[in-house]
Protein backbone atom coordinates (compact mmCIF):
# COMPACT_ATOMS: atom_id res chain seq x y z
CA MET A 1 351.26 153.58 195.72
CA LYS A 2 348.29 151.12 194.19
CA THR A 3 346.33 154.17 193.11
CA ASP A 4 349.44 155.68 191.05
CA ARG A 5 349.88 151.92 189.39
CA MET A 6 346.51 152.17 188.21
CA ASN A 7 346.55 155.79 187.13
CA ARG A 8 349.79 154.81 184.71
CA ASN A 9 348.06 151.90 183.70
CA ARG A 10 345.04 153.52 182.51
CA LYS A 11 347.21 156.33 180.96
CA MET A 12 348.81 153.70 178.90
CA SER A 13 345.69 152.17 177.74
CA LEU A 14 344.14 155.56 176.71
CA LEU A 15 347.28 156.23 174.78
CA ASN A 16 347.18 152.81 173.02
CA PHE A 17 343.38 152.98 172.09
CA SER A 18 344.46 156.48 170.53
CA ASP A 19 346.83 155.13 168.48
CA LEU A 20 344.18 152.42 167.27
CA ILE A 21 341.64 155.43 166.17
CA PHE A 22 343.93 157.62 164.65
CA ASN A 23 345.65 154.88 162.68
CA THR A 24 343.37 155.59 159.62
CA HIS A 25 345.11 152.95 157.31
CA SER A 26 342.99 150.40 159.37
CA PRO A 27 339.61 151.06 158.33
CA SER A 28 338.45 147.59 159.08
CA ILE A 29 339.12 148.03 162.59
CA LEU A 30 337.17 151.36 162.65
CA ASP A 31 334.34 149.94 161.02
CA LYS A 32 333.93 147.43 163.97
CA LEU A 33 333.85 150.14 166.25
CA THR A 34 330.36 151.89 167.03
CA MET A 35 330.19 155.79 167.80
CA ILE A 36 328.92 155.15 170.92
CA THR A 37 331.93 152.85 172.07
CA LEU A 38 334.38 155.36 170.37
CA LEU A 39 333.56 159.04 171.24
CA PRO A 40 334.01 158.53 175.23
CA VAL A 41 337.77 157.16 174.70
CA LEU A 42 338.56 159.34 171.94
CA PHE A 43 338.10 162.41 173.77
CA SER A 44 339.05 161.29 177.11
CA CYS A 45 342.87 161.16 176.13
CA VAL A 46 342.52 165.16 175.02
CA LYS A 47 345.34 167.16 176.65
CA THR A 48 344.05 170.55 177.69
CA ASP A 49 345.57 173.86 178.23
CA ASP A 50 344.72 177.65 178.24
CA ILE A 51 345.51 177.54 174.56
CA GLY A 52 343.06 174.60 173.64
CA SER A 53 342.86 170.76 173.00
CA TRP A 54 345.17 168.23 171.13
CA ASN A 55 343.91 165.32 169.77
CA VAL A 56 347.22 163.44 168.35
CA SER A 57 348.60 160.04 169.41
CA PRO A 58 352.11 160.87 170.72
CA LYS A 59 353.68 157.45 169.33
CA SER A 60 353.07 158.00 165.69
CA ARG A 61 352.41 161.58 165.50
CA GLU A 62 355.84 162.84 166.19
CA TYR A 63 356.44 165.66 163.51
CA GLU A 64 355.81 169.29 164.09
CA THR A 65 354.50 171.79 161.57
CA ASP A 66 354.03 175.62 162.44
CA VAL A 67 350.79 176.50 161.12
CA CYS A 68 350.11 180.27 160.46
CA PHE A 69 346.65 182.18 159.10
CA THR A 70 345.48 185.11 157.24
CA LYS A 71 342.02 186.30 157.77
CA GLY A 72 339.43 189.08 157.11
CA GLU A 73 338.19 191.26 159.82
CA THR A 74 336.01 188.86 161.70
CA GLY A 75 336.68 187.87 165.11
CA LEU A 76 337.90 184.24 166.40
CA LYS A 77 336.61 181.61 168.70
CA THR A 78 337.50 178.13 167.98
CA LEU A 79 340.00 176.18 165.39
CA ASP A 80 339.54 172.71 164.14
CA LEU A 81 342.83 171.70 162.12
CA PHE A 82 343.17 168.59 160.47
CA THR A 83 345.85 166.84 158.53
CA PHE A 84 345.37 163.83 155.85
CA GLU A 85 347.63 161.87 153.74
CA ALA A 86 348.23 163.30 150.47
CA GLY A 87 347.44 160.03 148.83
CA PRO A 88 344.52 158.96 146.65
CA LEU A 89 342.63 158.09 149.83
CA ALA A 90 343.48 160.93 152.02
CA HIS A 91 343.25 159.17 155.13
CA LEU A 92 342.95 161.36 158.43
CA ASP A 93 346.42 161.53 159.89
CA ALA A 94 345.72 163.99 162.83
CA TYR A 95 343.20 166.31 164.50
CA MET A 96 343.58 169.28 167.01
CA ARG A 97 341.19 171.53 168.45
CA THR A 98 341.86 175.08 170.29
CA ASP A 99 338.67 176.31 172.13
CA ARG A 100 340.19 180.03 172.78
CA TRP A 101 342.40 180.75 169.59
CA ASP A 102 343.44 184.48 169.31
CA GLY A 103 344.60 184.00 165.46
CA ASP A 104 348.15 183.15 166.14
CA ALA A 105 350.16 180.41 164.53
CA VAL A 106 349.68 177.12 166.38
CA THR A 107 351.81 174.04 166.03
CA MET A 108 350.34 170.89 164.77
CA MET A 109 351.40 167.29 165.26
CA SER A 110 351.35 164.84 162.53
CA GLY A 111 352.94 161.89 160.75
CA GLN A 112 355.93 162.65 158.80
CA GLY A 113 355.56 163.44 154.81
CA GLU A 114 353.58 165.26 152.61
CA LYS A 115 350.00 166.31 154.20
CA ILE A 116 346.94 168.12 153.22
CA LEU A 117 345.51 170.67 155.83
CA PHE A 118 342.09 171.75 156.17
CA ALA A 119 341.08 174.42 158.95
CA CYS A 120 337.82 175.21 160.21
CA ALA A 121 337.59 178.53 162.51
CA ASN A 122 334.25 179.68 164.10
CA GLY A 123 333.00 176.15 163.35
CA GLN A 124 329.39 175.30 164.46
CA CYS A 125 330.60 171.84 165.18
CA ASP A 126 331.87 170.61 168.75
CA ARG A 127 334.69 168.17 169.04
CA TYR A 128 332.25 165.22 169.09
CA ASP A 129 330.69 166.16 165.84
CA TRP A 130 333.90 165.76 164.08
CA ALA A 131 334.62 162.11 165.02
CA ALA A 132 333.25 160.74 161.94
CA ILE A 133 335.81 162.44 159.72
CA SER A 134 338.46 159.73 158.44
CA SER A 135 339.44 161.45 155.21
CA VAL A 136 339.04 164.69 153.13
CA SER A 137 336.01 163.35 151.03
CA SER A 138 333.91 162.93 154.26
CA LEU A 139 334.23 166.64 155.28
CA ASP A 140 331.83 167.19 152.28
CA GLY A 141 329.07 165.90 154.26
CA ILE A 142 329.58 168.59 157.15
CA HIS A 143 327.44 171.38 156.66
CA ALA A 144 326.95 175.14 158.34
CA ASP A 145 323.72 176.53 158.78
CA LEU A 146 323.13 180.15 158.00
CA GLU A 147 320.93 180.59 161.39
CA LYS A 148 323.88 179.93 163.38
CA GLU A 149 326.43 182.27 161.85
CA ARG A 150 327.54 185.25 164.10
CA ARG A 151 328.64 188.61 161.97
CA HIS A 152 331.70 188.98 164.11
CA GLU A 153 332.52 185.45 164.07
CA LEU A 154 331.93 183.95 160.69
CA LEU A 155 332.68 180.39 160.14
CA MET A 156 335.90 180.36 157.94
CA THR A 157 337.82 177.54 156.36
CA ALA A 158 341.33 176.89 154.62
CA THR A 159 342.78 174.22 152.94
CA GLY A 160 346.51 173.96 151.89
CA ARG A 161 349.43 171.25 151.61
CA THR A 162 352.92 170.80 153.45
CA MET A 163 355.77 168.84 153.94
CA ALA A 164 355.42 167.47 157.70
CA GLY A 165 358.97 167.46 159.22
CA ASN A 166 360.87 169.70 157.09
CA GLY A 167 360.64 172.50 159.47
CA LYS A 168 359.11 174.86 157.15
CA PRO A 169 355.80 176.77 158.52
CA CYS A 170 352.90 176.56 156.20
CA CYS A 171 350.31 179.48 155.86
CA LEU A 172 346.90 179.20 155.19
CA GLU A 173 344.03 181.86 154.05
CA LEU A 174 340.87 181.65 156.03
CA ARG A 175 338.03 182.65 154.11
CA PRO A 176 334.23 182.76 155.26
CA LEU A 177 331.45 180.42 153.54
CA THR A 178 329.00 183.92 153.29
CA CYS A 179 329.14 186.43 150.87
CA GLU A 180 328.14 189.87 151.36
CA VAL A 181 325.22 191.89 149.84
CA ARG A 182 325.74 195.90 150.36
CA LEU A 183 323.17 198.63 149.47
CA ARG A 184 325.42 201.35 149.37
CA SER A 185 323.27 203.88 148.33
CA ILE A 186 319.96 204.53 147.30
CA ARG A 187 317.65 207.51 146.11
CA CYS A 188 314.42 208.13 144.17
CA ASP A 189 313.97 209.96 140.92
CA PHE A 190 310.22 210.19 140.06
CA THR A 191 310.55 213.05 137.49
CA GLY A 192 307.68 213.00 135.06
CA ARG A 193 305.58 210.98 137.30
CA PRO A 194 302.27 212.15 138.96
CA TYR A 195 303.76 211.38 142.32
CA GLN A 196 307.08 213.42 141.37
CA GLY A 197 308.58 214.78 144.47
CA GLU A 198 306.67 212.04 146.93
CA LYS A 199 309.67 210.32 149.01
CA LEU A 200 309.84 206.34 150.15
CA LYS A 201 308.83 205.91 153.64
CA ASP A 202 308.86 202.73 155.76
CA VAL A 203 311.78 201.56 154.03
CA SER A 204 313.30 197.72 154.76
CA VAL A 205 315.91 196.19 152.94
CA TYR A 206 316.17 192.17 152.94
CA LEU A 207 317.20 189.22 151.18
CA THR A 208 314.95 186.37 149.45
CA ASN A 209 315.26 183.00 148.14
CA VAL A 210 318.58 182.64 150.48
CA ASN A 211 320.67 179.53 150.50
CA ALA A 212 320.85 178.76 154.34
CA GLN A 213 322.80 175.52 154.32
CA CYS A 214 326.42 175.11 152.63
CA SER A 215 329.14 172.53 152.96
CA ILE A 216 332.24 173.68 154.69
CA THR A 217 334.42 172.52 151.71
CA ALA A 218 332.02 174.45 148.92
CA ASP A 219 333.76 176.54 146.61
CA GLY A 220 333.33 177.98 143.19
CA MET A 221 329.78 177.13 141.82
CA THR A 222 327.66 176.34 144.76
CA MET A 223 324.09 175.08 144.34
CA PRO A 224 321.47 176.01 146.79
CA THR A 225 320.69 173.30 149.36
CA ARG A 226 318.00 174.52 151.94
CA ILE A 227 316.05 178.23 150.90
CA VAL A 228 314.71 180.31 153.23
CA ASN A 229 312.82 183.47 152.70
CA GLN A 230 311.24 181.87 149.58
CA GLY A 231 309.44 184.18 147.32
CA GLY A 232 309.04 187.01 150.63
CA LEU A 233 310.24 187.69 153.96
CA SER A 234 309.18 184.86 156.28
CA GLU A 235 308.71 185.69 160.10
CA GLU A 236 308.87 182.04 160.79
CA ASP A 237 312.30 181.72 158.87
CA MET A 238 313.79 184.67 160.52
CA ASP A 239 312.78 183.74 163.99
CA ALA A 240 315.26 180.83 163.63
CA PHE A 241 318.31 183.04 163.27
CA ARG A 242 320.75 184.14 166.02
CA GLU A 243 320.97 187.21 164.32
CA PRO A 244 318.02 188.27 162.09
CA GLY A 245 320.04 191.35 161.02
CA LEU A 246 322.30 189.16 158.41
CA LEU A 247 319.08 189.30 156.25
CA TYR A 248 317.14 192.02 157.41
CA ARG A 249 317.59 195.83 157.95
CA LYS A 250 315.29 199.07 158.49
CA ILE A 251 316.21 202.31 156.89
CA ASP A 252 315.04 204.83 159.60
CA GLU A 253 314.92 207.91 157.29
CA ASP A 254 312.84 208.44 154.25
CA ILE A 255 314.29 208.26 150.80
CA GLY A 256 314.22 211.31 148.53
CA ASP A 257 316.08 212.36 145.43
CA ILE A 258 319.35 213.17 147.02
CA ALA A 259 320.95 210.02 147.66
CA THR A 260 320.92 208.02 151.04
CA ARG A 261 324.06 206.13 152.03
CA PRO A 262 322.87 203.41 154.70
CA ASP A 263 325.67 201.22 153.63
CA ILE A 264 323.77 198.27 154.60
CA SER A 265 325.69 194.72 154.72
CA LEU A 266 323.34 191.49 154.47
CA LEU A 267 324.86 188.15 154.40
CA CYS A 268 324.19 184.83 153.01
CA TYR A 269 325.58 181.54 151.55
CA PRO A 270 326.41 181.30 148.20
CA ASN A 271 323.82 180.45 145.08
CA ALA A 272 325.09 180.09 141.69
CA SER A 273 322.13 178.12 140.01
CA GLU A 274 322.37 178.72 135.93
CA GLU A 275 318.58 178.58 135.59
CA GLU A 276 316.01 179.44 138.03
CA SER A 277 313.50 176.88 138.94
CA PRO A 278 311.03 176.41 142.29
CA GLY A 279 314.03 174.26 144.13
CA SER A 280 316.88 176.74 143.21
CA PRO A 281 315.42 180.45 142.96
CA PHE A 282 317.87 183.20 142.48
CA THR A 283 318.34 184.93 145.73
CA ARG A 284 317.29 188.50 145.72
CA LEU A 285 317.78 192.10 147.19
CA VAL A 286 314.31 193.20 148.09
CA ILE A 287 313.54 196.98 148.87
CA GLU A 288 310.28 197.59 150.62
CA GLY A 289 308.76 200.68 151.19
CA THR A 290 305.53 202.96 150.66
CA VAL A 291 304.89 205.87 148.20
CA GLU A 292 301.77 207.83 148.84
CA GLY A 293 300.57 205.66 151.61
CA GLU A 294 300.74 202.18 149.53
CA THR A 295 303.24 199.52 150.07
CA TYR A 296 305.47 198.61 147.19
CA TRP A 297 308.38 196.22 146.46
CA TRP A 298 311.62 196.36 144.31
CA PRO A 299 313.37 193.09 144.06
CA VAL A 300 316.74 192.67 142.60
CA ASP A 301 318.32 189.51 141.18
CA ILE A 302 321.57 189.48 142.65
CA ASN A 303 324.35 189.37 140.21
CA ARG A 304 322.31 188.55 137.21
CA SER A 305 322.40 190.30 134.05
CA ARG A 306 319.08 191.02 132.49
CA ASP A 307 319.86 189.22 129.53
CA GLY A 308 321.88 186.28 130.88
CA SER A 309 325.19 187.39 129.16
CA GLY A 310 326.98 187.76 132.09
CA THR A 311 329.96 185.43 133.31
CA GLU A 312 329.94 183.83 136.66
CA GLU A 313 326.34 185.03 137.65
CA GLY A 314 325.03 184.35 140.73
CA LEU A 315 326.60 184.59 144.38
CA TYR A 316 330.18 183.04 145.17
CA ARG A 317 331.94 182.48 148.87
CA ASN A 318 333.89 185.59 150.08
CA CYS A 319 332.61 188.06 147.51
CA SER A 320 330.74 191.40 148.37
CA TYR A 321 327.99 192.25 145.70
CA VAL A 322 327.89 196.24 146.14
CA TYR A 323 324.77 198.14 144.89
CA ASP A 324 323.98 201.65 144.12
CA ILE A 325 320.19 201.91 143.43
CA VAL A 326 318.05 204.63 141.78
CA ILE A 327 314.40 203.85 142.04
CA ARG A 328 312.43 205.67 138.94
CA ARG A 329 308.63 204.64 139.66
CA LYS A 330 306.35 202.57 142.04
CA GLY A 331 307.47 199.07 142.35
CA SER A 332 305.70 195.64 142.19
CA ASP A 333 302.88 194.46 144.02
CA ASP A 334 304.53 191.52 145.51
CA PRO A 335 308.51 191.00 146.40
CA ASP A 336 308.82 188.22 144.00
CA THR A 337 307.59 189.91 140.81
CA ALA A 338 310.44 190.83 138.63
CA LEU A 339 310.71 194.61 137.69
CA LYS A 340 310.95 196.14 134.34
CA ILE A 341 314.00 197.99 133.22
CA GLU A 342 312.51 201.60 133.54
CA ASP A 343 311.55 200.85 136.88
CA ILE A 344 314.71 200.81 138.64
CA GLU A 345 318.53 201.87 138.01
CA ILE A 346 321.06 199.64 139.21
CA GLU A 347 324.95 199.85 139.43
CA MET A 348 326.69 196.97 140.91
CA LYS A 349 330.45 196.13 141.77
CA VAL A 350 331.71 192.64 142.62
CA LEU A 351 334.58 193.05 144.95
CA PRO A 352 336.62 190.13 146.82
CA TRP A 353 335.36 190.68 150.40
CA LYS A 354 337.09 193.60 152.45
CA GLU A 355 339.01 194.74 149.27
CA LYS A 356 338.70 197.60 147.18
CA ASP A 357 339.42 196.93 143.85
CA GLY A 358 336.63 195.01 141.75
CA TYR A 359 334.51 195.73 138.39
CA SER A 360 331.26 197.57 137.97
CA VAL A 361 328.35 196.07 135.90
CA GLY A 362 325.50 198.31 134.98
CA PHE A 363 321.72 197.33 134.20
């Protein structure tokens, strides 16, 4: 009897403290709490079942919103879902986490009124890492690392607005932070050269000057934050990747005058630097191979016109940059030296990821 009464009292104490924490209109109280004190209490009042975990106060979060999602072909693992007040300060209203998410619609509990929703699927944070989020703007400080990405479980985010309590569902489109660089086809045409008829052997394809860190709220023109494979392929950088195949692939066959279609897909974070500098180099697609026993490199600035006249140059999230390449002569002596226009023929298409329509750019 005494034990039951103690459990009930403890439960009420946790719920009351949950109300205190999630009342984001009381920043002066939150400022006085240290993270060490806050974390164990915050997550001790989580309701857990086979679907996931909820972090909301049942007293002040009484209104349901059904949230559905659209996404690309990547798999799913976790879902972190936030609602924020729609006012100027955009304070946190409620948070929920689902650890075994299958992509189905979820029901979000929140306060009533207009809300901003933010969803992160396959996030790199555990539930404790999100504890510092108190407003929409604080999401900008959460970064993803390319080394932690998995091709079939890419980190995706979505944002939207809804009117909680009106009974209408809200649908969010999940988009990956990454962008795709595809080498769809490649061939050699050494016509008129002393080495006419030679093939390109021991071929590898990889990305250099890669932006490997990105805010989870990044969109539009995104500048690089942390560069890997700067100036060339770095074994040390590649060793840090869960899946090195995101940036590096081999082509097993020799490349001759008949097009080979390896359809290699490489992934990276956006890099839309307007001008190249040591701190913000252009991301490059590099083809490496041997001709007559000597190693050469053919580096290509991704989505950059050679005269600088292109629009929306650089890499943008959720876009696919598809290349068909013809190599016309021996390449550079290193992977960071620009090619001359007569060295290589490039046709590139920019596509919304996983969609077929787009536009072509010839170089």
